[in-house]
Amino acid sequence: MTNARAAGTSSATLTIAALLAIAAGHVQGCASDGGGSQGGSGGVGGGSGGSAGATSSGATGGSHASGGSSTSRDAGGGGDVGDSLSSDDAGPPDSGQEAGFITWTYNDKEMGLYLPAPTGKPVPVAMYLHACQNDNVYAGSWLIDALNAIEPCAVFLPTAPPAIDFTCADWGGTYDQELRPNMVDALAVLDQVIERYGFDSKRQYLYGESMGGEGVFRLLVDFPGRFAGAVSAAGYTLDKGASEMARTPLWIFHGSDDSISPVENDRAIYQSILAADGTEVRYTEYPGLDHVPAIEQARTEPGLIDWLLAQRRR
């Protein structure tokens, strides 16, 4: 059921460093920064990930580059996660381990995966697309705690290294002619982990913030039948692809005073999705909130994580 609402204002105040970073990095264009580095324990979202911190922003681009692959392994936040990968293996470790957090590299991009304890049945998997220049590959990610507080859920954390020619559009978006290499690699690894660990392919979820929100919009256009549900917080999209986006339950968040990613774009795509008979789109706009505060507020939105996990692909 469609739900459009405006939530009241409440959010952490940006630090001086964050404001300086935004001012220094902002370039007119499509893409934007996002939630900054996530810190230690006690952050927003009720989990152990920190709040959105220092940020930077940028513009879109069309640069494409790719590289070779190498692998490594790290563990944390859980039990034994198995043996290290061989140097010529481009995928994650083998299944069979207990709950834990593992990392490896794919095409020189660090990948992270949280594995919940075995439940005896396939668990859902959420792919989190980070904001500009975030290093989100660590066991304390807020989304891990938020999802697993409701039910066991795997969380895949790919990374998008900054492009050479353009910054803060590293996942790409609806402004591109084709998927950027960072997104191609993220999807390839998502396929790998679903197959290797037997995750529930009908419960693949997307959560993207800022630059990552742009990536969410793009994926819903290119893969309208793949994901069970998606969240885009403070993202950017052209007003295109609404009929494809309408096929996936989507909750859009934005601050009315966003100085990085214009709120008008999300307002427009929301209306276009409704016009395309989208009955499973929600839009929440936070009055008076800028870019990062809106991202943080969305993380604590009542019912959001329950709503996401309730979605099933038909």
C-alpha atoms as a PDB file:
ATOM      1  CA  MET A   1       0.000   0.000   0.000  1.00  0.00           C
ATOM      2  CA  THR A   2       1.344   3.405  -0.943  1.00  0.00           C
ATOM      3  CA  ASN A   3       2.318   5.568   1.963  1.00  0.00           C
ATOM      4  CA  ALA A   4       3.523   9.168   1.656  1.00  0.00           C
ATOM      5  CA  ARG A   5       4.319  10.967   4.860  1.00  0.00           C
ATOM      6  CA  ALA A   6       6.532  13.622   6.343  1.00  0.00           C
ATOM      7  CA  ALA A   7       8.268  12.870   9.593  1.00  0.00           C
ATOM      8  CA  GLY A   8       9.171  15.451  12.203  1.00  0.00           C
ATOM      9  CA  THR A   9      12.656  16.791  12.427  1.00  0.00           C
ATOM     10  CA  SER A  10      15.183  15.191  14.694  1.00  0.00           C
ATOM     11  CA  SER A  11      18.757  14.324  13.902  1.00  0.00           C
ATOM     12  CA  ALA A  12      22.329  14.596  15.034  1.00  0.00           C
ATOM     13  CA  THR A  13      23.991  17.872  14.150  1.00  0.00           C
ATOM     14  CA  LEU A  14      26.726  17.753  11.571  1.00  0.00           C
ATOM     15  CA  THR A  15      30.206  18.162  12.921  1.00  0.00           C
ATOM     16  CA  ILE A  16      32.379  21.026  11.728  1.00  0.00           C
ATOM     17  CA  ALA A  17      34.513  18.513   9.882  1.00  0.00           C
ATOM     18  CA  ALA A  18      31.485  17.165   8.059  1.00  0.00           C
ATOM     19  CA  LEU A  19      30.347  20.629   7.023  1.00  0.00           C
ATOM     20  CA  LEU A  20      33.818  21.480   5.754  1.00  0.00           C
ATOM     21  CA  ALA A  21      33.986  18.231   3.829  1.00  0.00           C
ATOM     22  CA  ILE A  22      30.643  18.881   2.188  1.00  0.00           C
ATOM     23  CA  ALA A  23      31.594  22.417   1.265  1.00  0.00           C
ATOM     24  CA  ALA A  24      34.946  21.334  -0.125  1.00  0.00           C
ATOM     25  CA  GLY A  25      33.644  18.387  -2.108  1.00  0.00           C
ATOM     26  CA  HIS A  26      30.339  19.621  -3.498  1.00  0.00           C
ATOM     27  CA  VAL A  27      30.261  19.855  -7.265  1.00  0.00           C
ATOM     28  CA  GLN A  28      27.150  20.529  -9.272  1.00  0.00           C
ATOM     29  CA  GLY A  29      25.955  17.272 -10.746  1.00  0.00           C
ATOM     30  CA  CYS A  30      23.922  14.156 -10.130  1.00  0.00           C
ATOM     31  CA  ALA A  31      25.789  12.211  -7.519  1.00  0.00           C
ATOM     32  CA  SER A  32      26.287  12.997  -3.895  1.00  0.00           C
ATOM     33  CA  ASP A  33      28.080  11.905  -0.795  1.00  0.00           C
ATOM     34  CA  GLY A  34      26.386  10.186   2.042  1.00  0.00           C
ATOM     35  CA  GLY A  35      26.634   8.937   5.560  1.00  0.00           C
ATOM     36  CA  GLY A  36      30.374   9.089   6.091  1.00  0.00           C
ATOM     37  CA  SER A  37      32.419   6.577   8.003  1.00  0.00           C
ATOM     38  CA  GLN A  38      30.550   4.530  10.541  1.00  0.00           C
ATOM     39  CA  GLY A  39      32.206   4.471  13.901  1.00  0.00           C
ATOM     40  CA  GLY A  40      32.339   2.201  16.913  1.00  0.00           C
ATOM     41  CA  SER A  41      29.642   1.054  19.291  1.00  0.00           C
ATOM     42  CA  GLY A  42      26.426   2.811  20.135  1.00  0.00           C
ATOM     43  CA  GLY A  43      25.581   4.450  16.810  1.00  0.00           C
ATOM     44  CA  VAL A  44      22.315   5.274  15.155  1.00  0.00           C
ATOM     45  CA  GLY A  45      19.914   2.551  14.164  1.00  0.00           C
ATOM     46  CA  GLY A  46      20.029   0.897  17.531  1.00  0.00           C
ATOM     47  CA  GLY A  47      23.050  -1.208  16.599  1.00  0.00           C
ATOM     48  CA  SER A  48      26.771  -1.154  17.088  1.00  0.00           C
ATOM     49  CA  GLY A  49      27.525   0.854  13.959  1.00  0.00           C
ATOM     50  CA  GLY A  50      28.261   4.526  14.479  1.00  0.00           C
ATOM     51  CA  SER A  51      26.416   7.481  13.094  1.00  0.00           C
ATOM     52  CA  ALA A  52      27.095   9.123   9.792  1.00  0.00           C
ATOM     53  CA  GLY A  53      30.159  11.235  10.241  1.00  0.00           C
ATOM     54  CA  ALA A  54      32.524  13.181   8.005  1.00  0.00           C
ATOM     55  CA  THR A  55      31.319  13.452   4.450  1.00  0.00           C
ATOM     56  CA  SER A  56      32.299  14.600   1.010  1.00  0.00           C
ATOM     57  CA  SER A  57      30.362  15.052  -2.179  1.00  0.00           C
ATOM     58  CA  GLY A  58      30.822  15.150  -5.905  1.00  0.00           C
ATOM     59  CA  ALA A  59      29.368  14.936  -9.354  1.00  0.00           C
ATOM     60  CA  THR A  60      28.490  12.233 -11.771  1.00  0.00           C
ATOM     61  CA  GLY A  61      30.638  10.786 -14.427  1.00  0.00           C
ATOM     62  CA  GLY A  62      30.971   8.043 -16.931  1.00  0.00           C
ATOM     63  CA  SER A  63      34.421   6.694 -16.196  1.00  0.00           C
ATOM     64  CA  HIS A  64      34.772   2.914 -16.400  1.00  0.00           C
ATOM     65  CA  ALA A  65      37.707   0.877 -15.248  1.00  0.00           C
ATOM     66  CA  SER A  66      38.287  -2.639 -14.035  1.00  0.00           C
ATOM     67  CA  GLY A  67      41.128  -4.703 -12.752  1.00  0.00           C
ATOM     68  CA  GLY A  68      42.234  -8.178 -11.845  1.00  0.00           C
ATOM     69  CA  SER A  69      41.185 -10.096  -8.778  1.00  0.00           C
ATOM     70  CA  SER A  70      42.868 -11.185  -5.599  1.00  0.00           C
ATOM     71  CA  THR A  71      41.510 -12.597  -2.377  1.00  0.00           C
ATOM     72  CA  SER A  72      42.108 -12.526   1.333  1.00  0.00           C
ATOM     73  CA  ARG A  73      40.180 -13.285   4.491  1.00  0.00           C
ATOM     74  CA  ASP A  74      39.505 -11.629   7.800  1.00  0.00           C
ATOM     75  CA  ALA A  75      37.174 -12.639  10.579  1.00  0.00           C
ATOM     76  CA  GLY A  76      35.440 -10.808  13.354  1.00  0.00           C
ATOM     77  CA  GLY A  77      32.194 -10.481  15.221  1.00  0.00           C
ATOM     78  CA  GLY A  78      31.564 -14.215  15.251  1.00  0.00           C
ATOM     79  CA  GLY A  79      32.951 -17.715  15.327  1.00  0.00           C
ATOM     80  CA  ASP A  80      35.185 -19.721  13.043  1.00  0.00           C
ATOM     81  CA  VAL A  81      34.672 -18.762   9.430  1.00  0.00           C
ATOM     82  CA  GLY A  82      36.757 -21.418   7.750  1.00  0.00           C
ATOM     83  CA  ASP A  83      40.058 -21.512   5.936  1.00  0.00           C
ATOM     84  CA  SER A  84      41.653 -18.685   4.022  1.00  0.00           C
ATOM     85  CA  LEU A  85      41.061 -18.400   0.321  1.00  0.00           C
ATOM     86  CA  SER A  86      43.669 -19.334  -2.192  1.00  0.00           C
ATOM     87  CA  SER A  87      45.264 -16.454  -4.064  1.00  0.00           C
ATOM     88  CA  ASP A  88      43.557 -17.390  -7.331  1.00  0.00           C
ATOM     89  CA  ASP A  89      40.054 -17.696  -5.856  1.00  0.00           C
ATOM     90  CA  ALA A  90      37.815 -14.734  -6.700  1.00  0.00           C
ATOM     91  CA  GLY A  91      34.975 -15.737  -4.389  1.00  0.00           C
ATOM     92  CA  PRO A  92      34.116 -15.825  -0.698  1.00  0.00           C
ATOM     93  CA  PRO A  93      35.142 -18.652   1.664  1.00  0.00           C
ATOM     94  CA  ASP A  94      33.312 -21.961   1.556  1.00  0.00           C
ATOM     95  CA  SER A  95      30.155 -22.473   3.561  1.00  0.00           C
ATOM     96  CA  GLY A  96      29.838 -24.555   6.703  1.00  0.00           C
ATOM     97  CA  GLN A  97      31.099 -22.091   9.300  1.00  0.00           C
ATOM     98  CA  GLU A  98      29.273 -20.615  12.265  1.00  0.00           C
ATOM     99  CA  ALA A  99      28.104 -17.025  12.456  1.00  0.00           C
ATOM    100  CA  GLY A 100      30.777 -14.476  11.734  1.00  0.00           C
ATOM    101  CA  PHE A 101      32.052 -11.635   9.609  1.00  0.00           C
ATOM    102  CA  ILE A 102      34.370 -12.338   6.692  1.00  0.00           C
ATOM    103  CA  THR A 103      36.214 -10.169   4.205  1.00  0.00           C
ATOM    104  CA  TRP A 104      37.983 -10.818   0.932  1.00  0.00           C
ATOM    105  CA  THR A 105      38.844  -8.931  -2.252  1.00  0.00           C
ATOM    106  CA  TYR A 106      37.344  -9.155  -5.694  1.00  0.00           C
ATOM    107  CA  ASN A 107      38.886  -7.216  -8.570  1.00  0.00           C
ATOM    108  CA  ASP A 108      40.892  -5.315  -5.949  1.00  0.00           C
ATOM    109  CA  LYS A 109      37.715  -4.262  -4.149  1.00  0.00           C
ATOM    110  CA  GLU A 110      37.207  -5.252  -0.528  1.00  0.00           C
ATOM    111  CA  MET A 111      34.065  -7.230   0.149  1.00  0.00           C
ATOM    112  CA  GLY A 112      32.468  -8.006   3.503  1.00  0.00           C
ATOM    113  CA  LEU A 113      29.785 -10.466   4.530  1.00  0.00           C
ATOM    114  CA  TYR A 114      28.005 -11.074   7.796  1.00  0.00           C
ATOM    115  CA  LEU A 115      26.788 -14.642   8.219  1.00  0.00           C
ATOM    116  CA  PRO A 116      24.128 -15.278  10.863  1.00  0.00           C
ATOM    117  CA  ALA A 117      24.097 -18.479  12.852  1.00  0.00           C
ATOM    118  CA  PRO A 118      22.666 -21.439  10.924  1.00  0.00           C
ATOM    119  CA  THR A 119      18.890 -21.640  11.123  1.00  0.00           C
ATOM    120  CA  GLY A 120      18.254 -24.825   9.179  1.00  0.00           C
ATOM    121  CA  LYS A 121      16.671 -22.909   6.309  1.00  0.00           C
ATOM    122  CA  PRO A 122      17.799 -20.284   3.773  1.00  0.00           C
ATOM    123  CA  VAL A 123      18.179 -16.837   5.299  1.00  0.00           C
ATOM    124  CA  PRO A 124      17.549 -13.540   3.495  1.00  0.00           C
ATOM    125  CA  VAL A 125      20.432 -11.378   2.317  1.00  0.00           C
ATOM    126  CA  ALA A 126      20.656  -7.584   2.179  1.00  0.00           C
ATOM    127  CA  MET A 127      23.172  -5.723   0.036  1.00  0.00           C
ATOM    128  CA  TYR A 128      24.203  -2.364   1.487  1.00  0.00           C
ATOM    129  CA  LEU A 129      25.499   0.252  -0.976  1.00  0.00           C
ATOM    130  CA  HIS A 130      27.570   2.742   0.973  1.00  0.00           C
ATOM    131  CA  ALA A 131      27.842   6.487   0.563  1.00  0.00           C
ATOM    132  CA  CYS A 132      30.768   8.401  -0.876  1.00  0.00           C
ATOM    133  CA  GLN A 133      34.223   7.305   0.317  1.00  0.00           C
ATOM    134  CA  ASN A 134      32.840   5.143   3.100  1.00  0.00           C
ATOM    135  CA  ASP A 135      34.708   2.118   4.358  1.00  0.00           C
ATOM    136  CA  ASN A 136      31.758   0.037   5.457  1.00  0.00           C
ATOM    137  CA  VAL A 137      33.450  -3.375   5.531  1.00  0.00           C
ATOM    138  CA  TYR A 138      33.499  -4.132   9.229  1.00  0.00           C
ATOM    139  CA  ALA A 139      31.562  -6.263  11.666  1.00  0.00           C
ATOM    140  CA  GLY A 140      29.955  -3.316  13.489  1.00  0.00           C
ATOM    141  CA  SER A 141      27.826  -2.089  10.598  1.00  0.00           C
ATOM    142  CA  TRP A 142      24.559  -0.661  11.939  1.00  0.00           C
ATOM    143  CA  LEU A 143      22.520  -2.525   9.325  1.00  0.00           C
ATOM    144  CA  ILE A 144      23.786  -5.909  10.535  1.00  0.00           C
ATOM    145  CA  ASP A 145      22.423  -5.243  14.012  1.00  0.00           C
ATOM    146  CA  ALA A 146      19.196  -3.651  12.794  1.00  0.00           C
ATOM    147  CA  LEU A 147      18.259  -6.558  10.535  1.00  0.00           C
ATOM    148  CA  ASN A 148      19.368  -9.339  12.864  1.00  0.00           C
ATOM    149  CA  ALA A 149      17.456  -7.838  15.779  1.00  0.00           C
ATOM    150  CA  ILE A 150      14.354  -8.930  13.870  1.00  0.00           C
ATOM    151  CA  GLU A 151      15.458 -12.174  12.252  1.00  0.00           C
ATOM    152  CA  PRO A 152      18.686 -13.855  11.094  1.00  0.00           C
ATOM    153  CA  CYS A 153      19.800 -12.079   7.933  1.00  0.00           C
ATOM    154  CA  ALA A 154      23.018 -12.115   5.924  1.00  0.00           C
ATOM    155  CA  VAL A 155      24.417  -8.677   5.083  1.00  0.00           C
ATOM    156  CA  PHE A 156      26.672  -8.209   2.062  1.00  0.00           C
ATOM    157  CA  LEU A 157      28.914  -5.118   2.129  1.00  0.00           C
ATOM    158  CA  PRO A 158      30.604  -4.450  -1.214  1.00  0.00           C
ATOM    159  CA  THR A 159      32.784  -1.407  -1.790  1.00  0.00           C
ATOM    160  CA  ALA A 160      32.993   1.130  -4.606  1.00  0.00           C
ATOM    161  CA  PRO A 161      36.489   2.636  -4.831  1.00  0.00           C
ATOM    162  CA  PRO A 162      36.500   6.265  -5.994  1.00  0.00           C
ATOM    163  CA  ALA A 163      36.730   6.794  -9.735  1.00  0.00           C
ATOM    164  CA  ILE A 164      39.712   8.580 -11.208  1.00  0.00           C
ATOM    165  CA  ASP A 165      37.802  11.201 -13.173  1.00  0.00           C
ATOM    166  CA  PHE A 166      34.694  11.607 -11.034  1.00  0.00           C
ATOM    167  CA  THR A 167      34.031  11.228  -7.336  1.00  0.00           C
ATOM    168  CA  CYS A 168      30.962  10.334  -5.340  1.00  0.00           C
ATOM    169  CA  ALA A 169      29.182   8.633  -8.216  1.00  0.00           C
ATOM    170  CA  ASP A 170      31.094   5.413  -7.836  1.00  0.00           C
ATOM    171  CA  TRP A 171      28.077   3.085  -7.873  1.00  0.00           C
ATOM    172  CA  GLY A 172      26.639   4.893 -10.858  1.00  0.00           C
ATOM    173  CA  GLY A 173      23.005   5.701 -11.387  1.00  0.00           C
ATOM    174  CA  THR A 174      20.213   6.300 -13.863  1.00  0.00           C
ATOM    175  CA  TYR A 175      22.362   8.964 -15.526  1.00  0.00           C
ATOM    176  CA  ASP A 176      24.720   6.299 -16.920  1.00  0.00           C
ATOM    177  CA  GLN A 177      24.430   4.414 -20.186  1.00  0.00           C
ATOM    178  CA  GLU A 178      25.538   1.167 -18.551  1.00  0.00           C
ATOM    179  CA  LEU A 179      26.366  -0.255 -15.151  1.00  0.00           C
ATOM    180  CA  ARG A 180      29.691   0.877 -13.749  1.00  0.00           C
ATOM    181  CA  PRO A 181      32.357  -1.705 -12.922  1.00  0.00           C
ATOM    182  CA  ASN A 182      31.867  -1.295  -9.169  1.00  0.00           C
ATOM    183  CA  MET A 183      28.227  -2.275  -9.511  1.00  0.00           C
ATOM    184  CA  VAL A 184      28.955  -5.094 -11.936  1.00  0.00           C
ATOM    185  CA  ASP A 185      31.406  -6.546  -9.416  1.00  0.00           C
ATOM    186  CA  ALA A 186      28.994  -6.122  -6.497  1.00  0.00           C
ATOM    187  CA  LEU A 187      26.286  -8.020  -8.366  1.00  0.00           C
ATOM    188  CA  ALA A 188      28.715 -10.757  -9.374  1.00  0.00           C
ATOM    189  CA  VAL A 189      29.752 -11.297  -5.769  1.00  0.00           C
ATOM    190  CA  LEU A 190      26.150 -11.145  -4.567  1.00  0.00           C
ATOM    191  CA  ASP A 191      25.401 -14.012  -6.946  1.00  0.00           C
ATOM    192  CA  GLN A 192      28.417 -15.885  -5.563  1.00  0.00           C
ATOM    193  CA  VAL A 193      27.442 -15.590  -1.920  1.00  0.00           C
ATOM    194  CA  ILE A 194      23.820 -16.543  -2.601  1.00  0.00           C
ATOM    195  CA  GLU A 195      24.960 -19.711  -4.342  1.00  0.00           C
ATOM    196  CA  ARG A 196      27.768 -20.567  -1.944  1.00  0.00           C
ATOM    197  CA  TYR A 197      25.840 -20.063   1.280  1.00  0.00           C
ATOM    198  CA  GLY A 198      22.371 -20.987   0.064  1.00  0.00           C
ATOM    199  CA  PHE A 199      20.696 -17.676   0.889  1.00  0.00           C
ATOM    200  CA  ASP A 200      17.031 -17.189   0.047  1.00  0.00           C
ATOM    201  CA  SER A 201      17.107 -15.849  -3.512  1.00  0.00           C
ATOM    202  CA  LYS A 202      13.521 -14.605  -3.172  1.00  0.00           C
ATOM    203  CA  ARG A 203      14.524 -12.372  -0.280  1.00  0.00           C
ATOM    204  CA  GLN A 204      17.297 -10.213  -1.678  1.00  0.00           C
ATOM    205  CA  TYR A 205      17.138  -6.681  -0.275  1.00  0.00           C
ATOM    206  CA  LEU A 206      18.817  -3.393  -1.161  1.00  0.00           C
ATOM    207  CA  TYR A 207      19.697  -0.512   1.166  1.00  0.00           C
ATOM    208  CA  GLY A 208      21.574   2.474  -0.240  1.00  0.00           C
ATOM    209  CA  GLU A 209      22.556   5.827   1.216  1.00  0.00           C
ATOM    210  CA  SER A 210      23.327   8.912  -0.863  1.00  0.00           C
ATOM    211  CA  MET A 211      25.671   7.652  -3.602  1.00  0.00           C
ATOM    212  CA  GLY A 212      24.427   4.182  -2.673  1.00  0.00           C
ATOM    213  CA  GLY A 213      20.838   5.355  -3.023  1.00  0.00           C
ATOM    214  CA  GLU A 214      21.621   6.312  -6.607  1.00  0.00           C
ATOM    215  CA  GLY A 215      22.849   2.780  -7.142  1.00  0.00           C
ATOM    216  CA  VAL A 216      19.608   1.390  -5.714  1.00  0.00           C
ATOM    217  CA  PHE A 217      17.537   3.347  -8.232  1.00  0.00           C
ATOM    218  CA  ARG A 218      19.722   2.081 -11.062  1.00  0.00           C
ATOM    219  CA  LEU A 219      19.452  -1.554  -9.996  1.00  0.00           C
ATOM    220  CA  LEU A 220      15.673  -1.360  -9.789  1.00  0.00           C
ATOM    221  CA  VAL A 221      15.597  -0.138 -13.385  1.00  0.00           C
ATOM    222  CA  ASP A 222      17.997  -2.781 -14.725  1.00  0.00           C
ATOM    223  CA  PHE A 223      16.719  -5.691 -12.601  1.00  0.00           C
ATOM    224  CA  PRO A 224      13.027  -4.978 -11.918  1.00  0.00           C
ATOM    225  CA  GLY A 225      12.220  -8.537 -10.916  1.00  0.00           C
ATOM    226  CA  ARG A 226      15.260  -9.428  -8.857  1.00  0.00           C
ATOM    227  CA  PHE A 227      14.979  -7.719  -5.473  1.00  0.00           C
ATOM    228  CA  ALA A 228      12.236  -8.261  -2.922  1.00  0.00           C
ATOM    229  CA  GLY A 229      12.484  -4.773  -1.425  1.00  0.00           C
ATOM    230  CA  ALA A 230      14.683  -1.683  -1.488  1.00  0.00           C
ATOM    231  CA  VAL A 231      15.474   1.486   0.442  1.00  0.00           C
ATOM    232  CA  SER A 232      17.055   4.640  -0.982  1.00  0.00           C
ATOM    233  CA  ALA A 233      18.051   7.357   1.488  1.00  0.00           C
ATOM    234  CA  ALA A 234      19.044  10.787   0.142  1.00  0.00           C
ATOM    235  CA  GLY A 235      19.832   9.380  -3.281  1.00  0.00           C
ATOM    236  CA  TYR A 236      19.568  10.952  -6.710  1.00  0.00           C
ATOM    237  CA  THR A 237      17.884   9.750  -9.874  1.00  0.00           C
ATOM    238  CA  LEU A 238      16.756  11.120 -13.164  1.00  0.00           C
ATOM    239  CA  ASP A 239      13.008  11.012 -13.638  1.00  0.00           C
ATOM    240  CA  LYS A 240      13.176   7.887 -15.766  1.00  0.00           C
ATOM    241  CA  GLY A 241      12.636   4.152 -15.376  1.00  0.00           C
ATOM    242  CA  ALA A 242       9.587   4.587 -13.149  1.00  0.00           C
ATOM    243  CA  SER A 243       7.695   1.676 -14.698  1.00  0.00           C
ATOM    244  CA  GLU A 244      10.588  -0.650 -13.910  1.00  0.00           C
ATOM    245  CA  MET A 245      11.028   0.741 -10.395  1.00  0.00           C
ATOM    246  CA  ALA A 246       7.316   0.230  -9.752  1.00  0.00           C
ATOM    247  CA  ARG A 247       7.841  -3.544  -9.808  1.00  0.00           C
ATOM    248  CA  THR A 248       9.862  -3.547  -6.563  1.00  0.00           C
ATOM    249  CA  PRO A 249       8.619  -2.419  -3.137  1.00  0.00           C
ATOM    250  CA  LEU A 250      10.621   0.753  -2.501  1.00  0.00           C
ATOM    251  CA  TRP A 251      10.860   3.214   0.384  1.00  0.00           C
ATOM    252  CA  ILE A 252      12.438   6.550  -0.495  1.00  0.00           C
ATOM    253  CA  PHE A 253      13.793   8.955   2.149  1.00  0.00           C
ATOM    254  CA  HIS A 254      14.955  12.522   1.728  1.00  0.00           C
ATOM    255  CA  GLY A 255      15.446  15.709   3.725  1.00  0.00           C
ATOM    256  CA  SER A 256      13.613  18.791   2.532  1.00  0.00           C
ATOM    257  CA  ASP A 257      16.725  20.941   2.993  1.00  0.00           C
ATOM    258  CA  ASP A 258      19.227  18.603   1.333  1.00  0.00           C
ATOM    259  CA  SER A 259      22.112  20.757   0.099  1.00  0.00           C
ATOM    260  CA  ILE A 260      23.884  17.881  -1.653  1.00  0.00           C
ATOM    261  CA  SER A 261      21.223  15.861  -3.466  1.00  0.00           C
ATOM    262  CA  PRO A 262      18.208  17.970  -4.468  1.00  0.00           C
ATOM    263  CA  VAL A 263      14.994  16.743  -2.896  1.00  0.00           C
ATOM    264  CA  GLU A 264      13.026  17.646  -6.023  1.00  0.00           C
ATOM    265  CA  ASN A 265      14.449  14.638  -7.845  1.00  0.00           C
ATOM    266  CA  ASP A 266      13.103  12.119  -5.339  1.00  0.00           C
ATOM    267  CA  ARG A 267       9.775  13.924  -5.240  1.00  0.00           C
ATOM    268  CA  ALA A 268       9.592  13.602  -9.020  1.00  0.00           C
ATOM    269  CA  ILE A 269      10.469   9.907  -9.248  1.00  0.00           C
ATOM    270  CA  TYR A 270       8.000   9.101  -6.475  1.00  0.00           C
ATOM    271  CA  GLN A 271       5.181  10.751  -8.392  1.00  0.00           C
ATOM    272  CA  SER A 272       6.284   9.016 -11.592  1.00  0.00           C
ATOM    273  CA  ILE A 273       6.264   5.614  -9.891  1.00  0.00           C
ATOM    274  CA  LEU A 274       2.746   6.296  -8.634  1.00  0.00           C
ATOM    275  CA  ALA A 275       1.709   7.311 -12.149  1.00  0.00           C
ATOM    276  CA  ALA A 276       3.188   4.028 -13.417  1.00  0.00           C
ATOM    277  CA  ASP A 277       0.741   2.133 -11.161  1.00  0.00           C
ATOM    278  CA  GLY A 278       3.352   1.636  -8.469  1.00  0.00           C
ATOM    279  CA  THR A 279       1.356   0.510  -5.454  1.00  0.00           C
ATOM    280  CA  GLU A 280       4.306  -0.510  -3.285  1.00  0.00           C
ATOM    281  CA  VAL A 281       6.300   2.695  -3.120  1.00  0.00           C
ATOM    282  CA  ARG A 282       6.625   4.858  -0.019  1.00  0.00           C
ATOM    283  CA  TYR A 283       8.088   8.312   0.292  1.00  0.00           C
ATOM    284  CA  THR A 284       9.161   9.956   3.532  1.00  0.00           C
ATOM    285  CA  GLU A 285      10.467  13.509   3.539  1.00  0.00           C
ATOM    286  CA  TYR A 286      11.998  14.969   6.686  1.00  0.00           C
ATOM    287  CA  PRO A 287      11.164  18.682   7.009  1.00  0.00           C
ATOM    288  CA  GLY A 288      14.176  20.893   7.645  1.00  0.00           C
ATOM    289  CA  LEU A 289      16.802  18.152   7.446  1.00  0.00           C
ATOM    290  CA  ASP A 290      19.957  18.347   5.349  1.00  0.00           C
ATOM    291  CA  HIS A 291      21.698  15.450   3.630  1.00  0.00           C
ATOM    292  CA  VAL A 292      23.463  13.543   6.398  1.00  0.00           C
ATOM    293  CA  PRO A 293      20.845  14.164   9.117  1.00  0.00           C
ATOM    294  CA  ALA A 294      18.167  12.739   6.820  1.00  0.00           C
ATOM    295  CA  ILE A 295      20.282   9.632   6.217  1.00  0.00           C
ATOM    296  CA  GLU A 296      20.673   9.172   9.963  1.00  0.00           C
ATOM    297  CA  GLN A 297      16.992   9.771  10.608  1.00  0.00           C
ATOM    298  CA  ALA A 298      16.014   7.152   8.056  1.00  0.00           C
ATOM    299  CA  ARG A 299      18.130   4.575   9.885  1.00  0.00           C
ATOM    300  CA  THR A 300      15.901   4.958  12.922  1.00  0.00           C
ATOM    301  CA  GLU A 301      12.594   5.268  11.047  1.00  0.00           C
ATOM    302  CA  PRO A 302       9.989   3.251  12.993  1.00  0.00           C
ATOM    303  CA  GLY A 303       8.968   0.126  11.146  1.00  0.00           C
ATOM    304  CA  LEU A 304      11.462   0.491   8.297  1.00  0.00           C
ATOM    305  CA  ILE A 305      13.473  -2.679   8.889  1.00  0.00           C
ATOM    306  CA  ASP A 306      10.325  -4.679   9.674  1.00  0.00           C
ATOM    307  CA  TRP A 307       8.817  -3.444   6.413  1.00  0.00           C
ATOM    308  CA  LEU A 308      11.911  -4.383   4.421  1.00  0.00           C
ATOM    309  CA  LEU A 309      12.142  -7.896   5.804  1.00  0.00           C
ATOM    310  CA  ALA A 310       8.439  -8.460   5.249  1.00  0.00           C
ATOM    311  CA  GLN A 311       8.867  -8.132   1.484  1.00  0.00           C
ATOM    312  CA  ARG A 312       8.974 -11.283  -0.628  1.00  0.00           C
ATOM    313  CA  ARG A 313       9.663 -11.628  -4.312  1.00  0.00           C
ATOM    314  CA  ARG A 314       6.686 -13.089  -6.099  1.00  0.00           C
END
